[in-house]
Amino acid sequence: MPLNRRHFLMLCGAATGAASAGVLGSGQALSLPMSSAIVASGSRSKQSSPSGPFTLPALSYDYGALAPHIDEETMRFHHDRHHASYVNNLNQTIGQYPDLSRLSAEDLLRQIDTVPEAIRTTVRNNGGGHVNHSMFWEIMSPDGGSEPTGAIAAAINQAFGSFDAFKQDFNSVGEKQFGSGWAWLVRTNDGQLQVTSTPNQDSPLMQGLSPLLGNDVWEHAYYLSYRNRRADYLNAWWNVVNWNEVNRRLEGAIA
């Protein structure tokens, strides 16, 4: 049977709920905030803050602003359902450990081995999902694309020889990531740039690395437009990369 858009969205919704319930463990049901399931009419996301220290960031551009490279329907579902569920689940979990609520989501991931074992997997999956996606929205822009400039351009040329060589390495890592995960450009503690990947919602922060650029290769990030053509999605994605934001993250990592 051909996969139509409505059927795919229904499957994605079911998968999100099942995965989140599994992460939370038995007896902890997934409860999405109403604003994450239903978005007021308008072109940009309008989210109310869920109960807890972590909030779903609003997009700084319209849902359809990244089209045709990333379609509007994918952006709505990806941001308002998938990311919202990570935030909500993380808040539910951290609410059981008030001392942890004083940490940022990034610090929770950096210190993941010290998080109580009873909630470590939940924090890893949902904290990673929140941090990864918060970065993802920022490193894309309707005014993005072209080639990098400034410090990140010099660093890429030094590490990989050229921007084209870097893109080839990055796309290859993303295409070869088995199942769900992310492709990354990271900076190591000794100042080296590397291309790597992580499974699921794992973050480079858990390995002591500074993520500068990351592309989501979960199927929900591209399947409506590209179906199983992940390579086409990876190639198209460069048209929306916000190199100004990547430069800002490089400066932060150096500092």
Foldseek 3Di string as FASTA:
>chain_A
DDDAPVNVLVVVLVVLQVVLDVLLPPPDGQDFDPLLVDAPDDFWGDDDADPALDGQDTFPDGLQLLPPLFHSVLSSCCRSPNLRSLRNLLRVVCVVPVVCSVDDLLVCLLPLVPPPPVNSSSSQQSSLSNVVVVVVSVQFASPAADDADDPVQVQCCVQQVHPVRVLVVQLVQLVPPPAWWKWFWWAAPVGHTDIHIDHRSGDCSNVRIQTLDMDTSHCSRPCNPQNPPSSSSSVSRNRTGRNVSSVVSSVVSVD
